[in-house]
Protein backbone atom coordinates (compact mmCIF):
# COMPACT_ATOMS: atom_id res chain seq x y z
CA UNK A 1 -16.78 -98.36 143.32
CA UNK A 2 -16.97 -99.24 139.61
CA UNK A 3 -14.03 -98.37 137.42
CA UNK A 4 -13.94 -97.95 133.68
CA UNK A 5 -12.41 -101.41 133.37
CA UNK A 6 -15.47 -102.98 134.97
CA UNK A 7 -17.79 -101.25 132.54
CA UNK A 8 -19.61 -103.24 129.89
CA UNK A 9 -18.48 -100.77 127.25
CA UNK A 10 -14.77 -101.28 127.81
CA UNK A 11 -13.10 -103.75 125.50
CA UNK A 12 -9.50 -104.78 125.70
CA UNK A 13 -7.78 -104.19 122.36
CA UNK A 14 -6.23 -107.28 120.90
CA UNK A 15 -6.57 -109.81 118.13
CA UNK A 16 -10.09 -110.61 117.00
CA UNK A 17 -11.36 -114.07 117.66
CA UNK A 18 -12.12 -116.20 114.66
CA UNK A 19 -15.64 -117.56 114.67
CA UNK A 20 -18.40 -118.60 112.34
CA UNK A 21 -19.19 -114.98 111.42
CA UNK A 22 -15.57 -114.10 110.64
CA UNK A 23 -15.88 -114.96 106.95
CA UNK A 24 -16.81 -112.48 104.31
CA UNK A 25 -20.52 -111.98 104.06
CA UNK A 26 -21.84 -113.54 100.87
CA UNK A 27 -24.16 -111.26 98.99
CA UNK A 28 -27.35 -112.55 97.49
CA UNK A 29 -26.84 -113.82 93.98
CA UNK A 30 -29.43 -113.10 91.38
CA UNK A 31 -30.65 -115.91 89.14
CA UNK A 32 -29.81 -114.50 85.72
CA UNK A 33 -32.38 -116.78 84.06
CA UNK A 34 -35.30 -115.02 85.79
CA UNK A 35 -36.97 -111.88 84.46
CA UNK A 36 -35.28 -109.85 87.21
CA UNK A 37 -31.90 -111.32 86.34
CA UNK A 38 -32.39 -110.55 82.67
CA UNK A 39 -33.25 -106.95 83.54
CA UNK A 40 -30.03 -106.61 85.54
CA UNK A 41 -27.98 -108.35 82.85
CA UNK A 42 -29.40 -106.06 80.14
CA UNK A 43 -28.72 -102.97 82.24
CA UNK A 44 -25.13 -104.08 82.85
CA UNK A 45 -24.67 -104.74 79.13
CA UNK A 46 -26.03 -101.29 78.21
CA UNK A 47 -23.76 -99.56 80.69
CA UNK A 48 -20.79 -101.69 79.58
CA UNK A 49 -21.12 -100.16 76.11
CA UNK A 50 -20.39 -96.73 77.60
CA UNK A 51 -17.69 -98.00 79.97
CA UNK A 52 -15.76 -100.78 78.20
CA UNK A 53 -12.95 -100.79 80.81
CA UNK A 54 -14.57 -99.52 84.03
CA UNK A 55 -12.59 -98.57 87.08
CA UNK A 56 -13.53 -100.23 90.39
CA UNK A 57 -15.45 -97.06 91.28
CA UNK A 58 -17.44 -97.21 88.04
CA UNK A 59 -18.05 -100.94 88.49
CA UNK A 60 -19.54 -100.31 91.93
CA UNK A 61 -21.76 -97.53 90.59
CA UNK A 62 -22.94 -99.79 87.76
CA UNK A 63 -23.85 -102.54 90.24
CA UNK A 64 -25.69 -100.03 92.44
CA UNK A 65 -27.58 -98.71 89.42
CA UNK A 66 -28.62 -102.22 88.43
CA UNK A 67 -29.98 -102.99 91.89
CA UNK A 68 -31.79 -99.66 92.15
CA UNK A 69 -33.33 -100.27 88.71
CA UNK A 70 -34.46 -103.70 89.88
CA UNK A 71 -36.12 -102.23 92.97
CA UNK A 72 -37.81 -99.52 90.92
CA UNK A 73 -39.08 -102.10 88.45
CA UNK A 74 -40.51 -104.16 91.31
CA UNK A 75 -42.37 -101.09 92.58
CA UNK A 76 -43.62 -100.38 89.05
CA UNK A 77 -44.96 -103.93 88.79
CA UNK A 78 -46.63 -103.68 92.20
CA UNK A 79 -48.23 -100.39 91.19
CA UNK A 80 -49.54 -101.89 87.95
CA UNK A 81 -50.97 -104.88 89.84
CA UNK A 82 -52.77 -102.50 92.22
CA UNK A 83 -54.45 -100.58 89.44
CA UNK A 84 -51.85 -97.81 89.33
CA UNK A 85 -52.27 -96.96 93.01
CA UNK A 86 -49.48 -96.65 95.59
CA UNK A 87 -49.73 -96.09 99.28
CA UNK A 88 -48.08 -92.97 100.65
CA UNK A 89 -45.29 -95.05 102.17
CA UNK A 90 -44.67 -96.85 98.88
CA UNK A 91 -44.65 -93.54 97.02
CA UNK A 92 -42.12 -92.07 99.46
CA UNK A 93 -39.82 -95.10 99.13
CA UNK A 94 -40.21 -95.09 95.33
CA UNK A 95 -39.35 -91.41 95.16
CA UNK A 96 -36.28 -91.88 97.38
CA UNK A 97 -35.02 -94.80 95.27
CA UNK A 98 -35.72 -92.90 92.07
CA UNK A 99 -33.74 -89.92 93.34
CA UNK A 100 -30.88 -92.23 94.34
CA UNK A 101 -30.99 -93.79 90.87
CA UNK A 102 -30.85 -90.36 89.20
CA UNK A 103 -28.00 -89.14 91.43
CA UNK A 104 -26.00 -92.33 90.89
CA UNK A 105 -26.55 -92.18 87.14
CA UNK A 106 -25.42 -88.55 87.01
CA UNK A 107 -22.37 -89.40 89.13
CA UNK A 108 -21.51 -92.27 86.83
CA UNK A 109 -21.58 -90.07 83.76
CA UNK A 110 -19.94 -87.14 85.56
CA UNK A 111 -22.78 -84.71 85.05
CA UNK A 112 -23.31 -81.71 87.29
CA UNK A 113 -26.54 -80.87 89.03
CA UNK A 114 -28.41 -78.11 87.20
CA UNK A 115 -27.84 -74.58 88.41
CA UNK A 116 -30.58 -73.72 90.89
CA UNK A 117 -30.04 -69.98 91.08
CA UNK A 118 -28.80 -67.73 93.87
CA UNK A 119 -30.80 -69.03 96.84
CA UNK A 120 -31.10 -72.65 95.79
CA UNK A 121 -34.57 -72.06 94.42
CA UNK A 122 -36.05 -71.06 91.10
CA UNK A 123 -34.65 -67.92 89.53
CA UNK A 124 -36.49 -66.22 86.68
CA UNK A 125 -34.72 -65.86 83.36
CA UNK A 126 -36.17 -62.43 82.69
CA UNK A 127 -35.65 -59.06 84.36
CA UNK A 128 -38.21 -56.73 85.89
CA UNK A 129 -37.65 -54.24 83.02
CA UNK A 130 -39.05 -56.60 80.39
CA UNK A 131 -42.13 -57.28 82.53
CA UNK A 132 -42.99 -53.57 82.91
CA UNK A 133 -42.93 -52.92 79.13
């Protein structure tokens, strides 16, 4: 009979072993002399004007915005090279990244999402009385 201790999913708690993957993962560094690096550097500089002493939270949002802008620019360049055409998959990814960029930008500046009305959809700004007249 197999017990829980014989299971493959059971791990004995204890100190973690140190191995070659124990170090911090190094993130990819961008060559700031390339066109992509200059785009990121310019975006950071523009955002630094609005946030001269950013908190760690703001710094992380600024970095995320720079990388999202870089990805969006790469998609723009690919679209231009293909004669302005995008595949459906590319368009879906572009739209998702664009929405993430917009949400992150609004979070950075502390803006609220626009009011969407009572049911989360469009609500008319006029009443039925003005339409009947």
